Amino acid sequence: MATNSSTLAALVVLFVSPAFAQQTDAPAFAPAFYAFENGVSFGSAENDAKTLRELGYAGISQTHAGGEKLAQQVAAFDKAGLKVLSVYLNVGDTPVAEELVKPLANRDALIEITVRAITPKTVEAVRQTAEMASKLKIRVALYPHHGNAIATMPQAMNLIAKVNHPNLGVMFNLCHFLKNEKAEDLELVLEKSGTRLFAVSTCGATLGGRGWGDLIKPLNQGDFPQVRLLRALKKLNFKGPVGLQCYAVRGDKRTNLSNSLVAWNKILAEL
């Protein structure tokens, strides 16, 4: 009888032990983190990939290459065990050409598209882009950009409704959001995007800032509470990638990227 009691006690300890509980916990919220190409310039695609791997990034995003140049970039990042996440293009009267983006086919990649001006042909051009990309298994995300016809998240969602294609979504970009919309609306804007929120970009930013020098900083700078953004994404069960916007950031690129990655890990830890 004593032996049976000991065995039962041991089983109870096993099933309530912290180690066992940890194994059954849901995975931690940790989106794949990419560096925008505008913050990466180390002489070649091979050096870019090597540097980002050493720093701990998942890869590069918002590349401006297309066709053969994009294929070469993809190959260099593949060799380093990293990923080229997205290509950055504009759509106006004509859809994106398939040959520009084909190197990203079947790679869980994105086409980020701006819409600088809307014409009678824009809705159909965006629809054709989304359809072409769907056949390649590439998702298409509208990129709201200050000064463009699609500059805000509501404008992007309105165009998504008009295009009405399941392969078209939106990318939330913190710097453009703070430039054009109200910071206090962040959670509501993200919630309204729903399942159409395909990707996010962030950066250090100063609340109330108007110039890009205030709104685009390394992630360890500025007073915008980054944990607020990630907490909102976690609440929405966001599964997409996050990119680091680096446009016009001054200073040594490797240092900026390193500091931003350290800050990113600290922010995740706060959650």
Protein backbone atom coordinates (compact mmCIF):
# COMPACT_ATOMS: atom_id res chain seq x y z
CA MET A 1 0.00 0.00 0.00
CA ALA A 2 2.91 2.39 0.78
CA THR A 3 4.48 1.68 -2.61
CA ASN A 4 1.25 2.55 -4.41
CA SER A 5 0.96 5.82 -2.46
CA SER A 6 4.53 6.78 -3.33
CA THR A 7 3.90 6.08 -6.99
CA LEU A 8 0.73 8.19 -6.96
CA ALA A 9 2.53 11.07 -5.24
CA ALA A 10 5.29 10.97 -7.83
CA LEU A 11 2.75 11.14 -10.63
CA VAL A 12 1.05 14.13 -9.00
CA VAL A 13 4.39 15.94 -8.73
CA LEU A 14 5.12 15.19 -12.39
CA PHE A 15 1.84 16.57 -13.66
CA VAL A 16 1.98 19.81 -11.67
CA SER A 17 5.70 20.48 -12.04
CA PRO A 18 6.73 23.77 -13.67
CA ALA A 19 8.67 21.91 -16.35
CA PHE A 20 5.56 20.03 -17.43
CA ALA A 21 3.42 23.17 -17.29
CA GLN A 22 5.92 25.02 -19.45
CA GLN A 23 5.72 22.32 -22.10
CA THR A 24 1.94 22.72 -22.35
CA ASP A 25 1.95 26.53 -22.53
CA ALA A 26 0.96 28.23 -25.79
CA PRO A 27 3.91 29.44 -27.90
CA ALA A 28 5.25 32.87 -26.95
CA PHE A 29 4.25 35.81 -29.13
CA ALA A 30 7.34 36.46 -31.22
CA PRO A 31 6.71 37.60 -34.80
CA ALA A 32 9.50 37.12 -37.33
CA PHE A 33 11.47 40.38 -37.43
CA TYR A 34 12.94 41.70 -40.68
CA ALA A 35 15.04 44.72 -41.58
CA PHE A 36 13.86 47.03 -44.34
CA GLU A 37 16.31 47.17 -47.23
CA ASN A 38 16.63 50.95 -46.74
CA GLY A 39 18.57 50.26 -43.54
CA VAL A 40 20.81 47.54 -44.95
CA SER A 41 23.76 48.40 -47.18
CA PHE A 42 26.88 46.31 -46.74
CA GLY A 43 28.22 46.10 -50.28
CA SER A 44 26.45 43.02 -51.67
CA ALA A 45 23.47 40.77 -51.12
CA GLU A 46 25.83 38.20 -49.61
CA ASN A 47 27.22 40.70 -47.11
CA ASP A 48 23.73 41.99 -46.32
CA ALA A 49 22.58 38.46 -45.54
CA LYS A 50 25.70 37.68 -43.52
CA THR A 51 25.29 40.82 -41.41
CA LEU A 52 21.58 40.30 -40.74
CA ARG A 53 22.22 36.69 -39.78
CA GLU A 54 24.96 37.69 -37.35
CA LEU A 55 22.65 40.28 -35.76
CA GLY A 56 19.70 37.91 -35.44
CA TYR A 57 17.17 39.13 -38.01
CA ALA A 58 14.90 36.77 -39.92
CA GLY A 59 15.90 38.40 -43.20
CA ILE A 60 15.29 41.47 -45.33
CA SER A 61 12.04 43.10 -46.41
CA GLN A 62 10.80 45.78 -48.78
CA THR A 63 13.47 45.11 -51.37
CA HIS A 64 13.42 47.21 -54.53
CA ALA A 65 14.85 44.53 -56.82
CA GLY A 66 12.80 42.64 -59.38
CA GLY A 67 13.22 39.82 -61.85
CA GLU A 68 16.76 38.44 -62.12
CA LYS A 69 18.19 40.83 -59.51
CA LEU A 70 15.54 39.71 -57.06
CA ALA A 71 16.32 36.07 -57.85
CA GLN A 72 19.99 36.69 -57.06
CA GLN A 73 19.09 38.38 -53.79
CA VAL A 74 16.80 35.49 -52.83
CA ALA A 75 19.59 33.00 -53.58
CA ALA A 76 22.09 34.92 -51.43
CA PHE A 77 19.69 35.01 -48.48
CA ASP A 78 18.74 31.37 -48.92
CA LYS A 79 22.41 30.45 -48.69
CA ALA A 80 22.63 32.31 -45.37
CA GLY A 81 19.49 30.61 -44.06
CA LEU A 82 17.52 33.86 -44.15
CA LYS A 83 14.54 35.11 -46.13
CA VAL A 84 13.68 37.85 -48.58
CA LEU A 85 10.21 38.67 -47.28
CA SER A 86 8.84 41.30 -49.64
CA VAL A 87 9.25 43.50 -52.67
CA TYR A 88 8.09 47.14 -52.72
CA LEU A 89 6.22 48.42 -55.79
CA ASN A 90 3.62 50.96 -56.85
CA VAL A 91 0.36 50.23 -58.67
CA GLY A 92 -1.41 52.89 -60.69
CA ASP A 93 -2.99 52.15 -64.06
CA THR A 94 -1.29 48.82 -64.66
CA PRO A 95 -0.91 45.69 -62.53
CA VAL A 96 2.43 44.40 -61.29
CA ALA A 97 4.16 42.26 -63.90
CA GLU A 98 4.54 38.61 -62.95
CA GLU A 99 8.18 38.43 -64.02
CA LEU A 100 9.13 41.09 -61.47
CA VAL A 101 7.97 39.06 -58.48
CA LYS A 102 8.19 35.44 -59.65
CA PRO A 103 11.37 34.75 -57.62
CA LEU A 104 9.20 35.09 -54.48
CA ALA A 105 6.69 32.44 -55.61
CA ASN A 106 5.78 29.74 -53.07
CA ARG A 107 7.94 31.36 -50.37
CA ASP A 108 5.28 32.83 -48.04
CA ALA A 109 6.30 36.25 -49.32
CA LEU A 110 4.61 39.60 -49.85
CA ILE A 111 4.22 42.28 -52.47
CA GLU A 112 3.94 45.61 -50.66
CA ILE A 113 2.20 48.10 -52.92
CA THR A 114 1.76 51.82 -52.66
CA VAL A 115 -0.98 53.66 -54.55
CA ARG A 116 0.31 57.14 -55.31
CA ALA A 117 -2.69 58.20 -57.37
CA ILE A 118 -6.09 56.66 -58.06
CA THR A 119 -7.40 56.57 -61.62
CA PRO A 120 -10.41 54.77 -63.15
CA LYS A 121 -8.07 51.83 -63.80
CA THR A 122 -6.56 51.51 -60.32
CA VAL A 123 -9.10 49.17 -58.74
CA GLU A 124 -8.81 46.70 -61.60
CA ALA A 125 -5.01 46.99 -61.66
CA VAL A 126 -4.84 46.15 -57.95
CA ARG A 127 -7.31 43.29 -58.44
CA GLN A 128 -5.25 41.83 -61.28
CA THR A 129 -2.11 42.14 -59.14
CA ALA A 130 -3.79 40.27 -56.29
CA GLU A 131 -5.01 37.55 -58.65
CA MET A 132 -1.64 37.13 -60.35
CA ALA A 133 0.10 36.92 -56.98
CA SER A 134 -2.40 34.41 -55.62
CA LYS A 135 -1.39 31.97 -58.37
CA LEU A 136 2.22 32.35 -57.23
CA LYS A 137 1.17 32.02 -53.57
CA ILE A 138 2.40 35.55 -52.81
CA ARG A 139 0.20 37.81 -50.71
CA VAL A 140 -0.38 41.46 -51.61
CA ALA A 141 -0.46 44.15 -48.91
CA LEU A 142 -1.40 47.77 -49.49
CA TYR A 143 1.20 50.06 -47.96
CA PRO A 144 -0.41 53.30 -46.72
CA HIS A 145 2.14 56.06 -47.38
CA HIS A 146 2.00 59.73 -46.43
CA GLY A 147 1.29 61.95 -49.43
CA ASN A 148 -0.20 59.16 -51.55
CA ALA A 149 -3.81 58.57 -52.54
CA ILE A 150 -3.71 55.65 -50.09
CA ALA A 151 -2.12 57.31 -47.07
CA THR A 152 -4.13 55.95 -44.13
CA MET A 153 -5.39 52.63 -42.86
CA PRO A 154 -9.08 53.58 -43.47
CA GLN A 155 -8.23 54.52 -47.07
CA ALA A 156 -6.51 51.18 -47.52
CA MET A 157 -9.46 49.28 -46.08
CA ASN A 158 -11.80 51.19 -48.39
CA LEU A 159 -9.76 50.16 -51.44
CA ILE A 160 -9.63 46.56 -50.21
CA ALA A 161 -13.43 46.55 -50.08
CA LYS A 162 -13.64 47.88 -53.65
CA VAL A 163 -11.13 45.40 -55.02
CA ASN A 164 -12.80 42.54 -53.13
CA HIS A 165 -10.08 39.93 -53.55
CA PRO A 166 -9.09 37.53 -50.73
CA ASN A 167 -5.39 37.88 -51.55
CA LEU A 168 -5.34 41.63 -50.85
CA GLY A 169 -4.61 42.93 -47.37
CA VAL A 170 -2.90 45.83 -45.66
CA MET A 171 0.42 46.54 -43.95
CA PHE A 172 0.29 48.73 -40.86
CA ASN A 173 3.22 51.16 -40.86
CA LEU A 174 3.80 52.95 -37.59
CA CYS A 175 5.61 56.00 -39.00
CA HIS A 176 2.93 56.73 -41.60
CA PHE A 177 0.18 56.05 -39.08
CA LEU A 178 1.63 58.56 -36.62
CA LYS A 179 2.11 61.06 -39.46
CA ASN A 180 -1.47 60.86 -40.76
CA GLU A 181 -3.70 59.46 -38.02
CA LYS A 182 -4.32 59.78 -34.29
CA ALA A 183 -1.99 57.83 -32.02
CA GLU A 184 -4.86 57.11 -29.62
CA ASP A 185 -6.70 55.22 -32.40
CA LEU A 186 -3.96 52.60 -32.84
CA GLU A 187 -5.80 49.67 -31.27
CA LEU A 188 -9.06 50.49 -33.05
CA VAL A 189 -7.36 50.81 -36.44
CA LEU A 190 -5.62 47.47 -36.02
CA GLU A 191 -8.81 45.80 -34.87
CA LYS A 192 -10.75 47.11 -37.88
CA SER A 193 -8.18 45.66 -40.26
CA GLY A 194 -9.04 42.19 -38.95
CA THR A 195 -7.83 39.28 -41.05
CA ARG A 196 -6.67 41.71 -43.74
CA LEU A 197 -3.71 42.74 -41.59
CA PHE A 198 -0.96 40.88 -43.43
CA ALA A 199 2.13 42.63 -42.05
CA VAL A 200 3.39 45.41 -39.79
CA SER A 201 6.35 47.78 -39.77
CA THR A 202 7.63 49.67 -36.78
CA CYS A 203 10.52 51.89 -35.69
CA GLY A 204 11.43 54.17 -32.85
CA ALA A 205 9.29 57.31 -32.93
CA THR A 206 8.60 60.50 -30.99
CA LEU A 207 4.94 61.08 -30.21
CA GLY A 208 3.76 64.35 -31.69
CA GLY A 209 6.67 64.44 -34.14
CA ARG A 210 5.99 65.61 -37.67
CA GLY A 211 9.22 65.08 -39.60
CA TRP A 212 10.67 61.71 -40.54
CA GLY A 213 13.62 62.34 -38.24
CA ASP A 214 11.14 62.24 -35.34
CA LEU A 215 8.97 59.44 -36.71
CA ILE A 216 11.68 57.06 -37.93
CA LYS A 217 14.42 56.21 -35.44
CA PRO A 218 16.24 53.07 -34.34
CA LEU A 219 13.90 51.01 -32.20
CA ASN A 220 15.75 51.89 -28.99
CA GLN A 221 14.98 55.60 -29.44
CA GLY A 222 11.85 57.76 -29.22
CA ASP A 223 9.06 57.80 -26.67
CA PHE A 224 6.38 55.85 -28.54
CA PRO A 225 5.58 52.84 -26.32
CA GLN A 226 6.44 49.94 -28.61
CA VAL A 227 5.03 47.43 -26.16
CA ARG A 228 1.62 49.01 -26.77
CA LEU A 229 1.79 48.08 -30.45
CA LEU A 230 2.93 44.52 -29.81
CA ARG A 231 0.37 44.06 -27.05
CA ALA A 232 -2.37 45.08 -29.48
CA LEU A 233 -1.04 42.66 -32.10
CA LYS A 234 -0.84 39.86 -29.55
CA LYS A 235 -4.44 40.50 -28.51
CA LEU A 236 -5.49 40.19 -32.15
CA ASN A 237 -3.56 36.90 -32.47
CA PHE A 238 -1.50 38.45 -35.24
CA LYS A 239 0.61 35.81 -37.02
CA GLY A 240 2.33 37.93 -39.66
CA PRO A 241 5.83 39.38 -39.96
CA VAL A 242 7.13 42.68 -38.58
CA GLY A 243 9.63 44.85 -40.43
CA LEU A 244 11.96 47.54 -39.13
CA GLN A 245 11.57 50.83 -41.03
CA CYS A 246 14.95 52.51 -41.45
CA TYR A 247 14.33 55.29 -43.97
CA ALA A 248 16.77 58.22 -43.60
CA VAL A 249 18.00 57.02 -40.19
CA ARG A 250 21.40 58.55 -39.53
CA GLY A 251 24.46 56.86 -38.09
CA ASP A 252 26.22 53.55 -38.61
CA LYS A 253 23.82 51.05 -40.13
CA ARG A 254 25.16 47.99 -38.32
CA THR A 255 25.02 49.79 -34.97
CA ASN A 256 21.47 50.96 -35.63
CA LEU A 257 20.36 47.47 -36.65
CA SER A 258 22.04 45.91 -33.62
CA ASN A 259 20.50 48.40 -31.20
CA SER A 260 17.08 47.90 -32.76
CA LEU A 261 17.29 44.11 -32.46
CA VAL A 262 18.27 44.37 -28.79
CA ALA A 263 15.33 46.73 -28.21
CA TRP A 264 12.99 44.35 -30.08
CA ASN A 265 13.91 41.46 -27.79
CA LYS A 266 13.42 43.65 -24.71
CA ILE A 267 9.98 44.69 -25.91
CA LEU A 268 8.96 41.08 -26.48
CA ALA A 269 10.19 40.26 -22.99
CA GLU A 270 7.93 42.96 -21.55
CA LEU A 271 4.91 41.11 -22.92
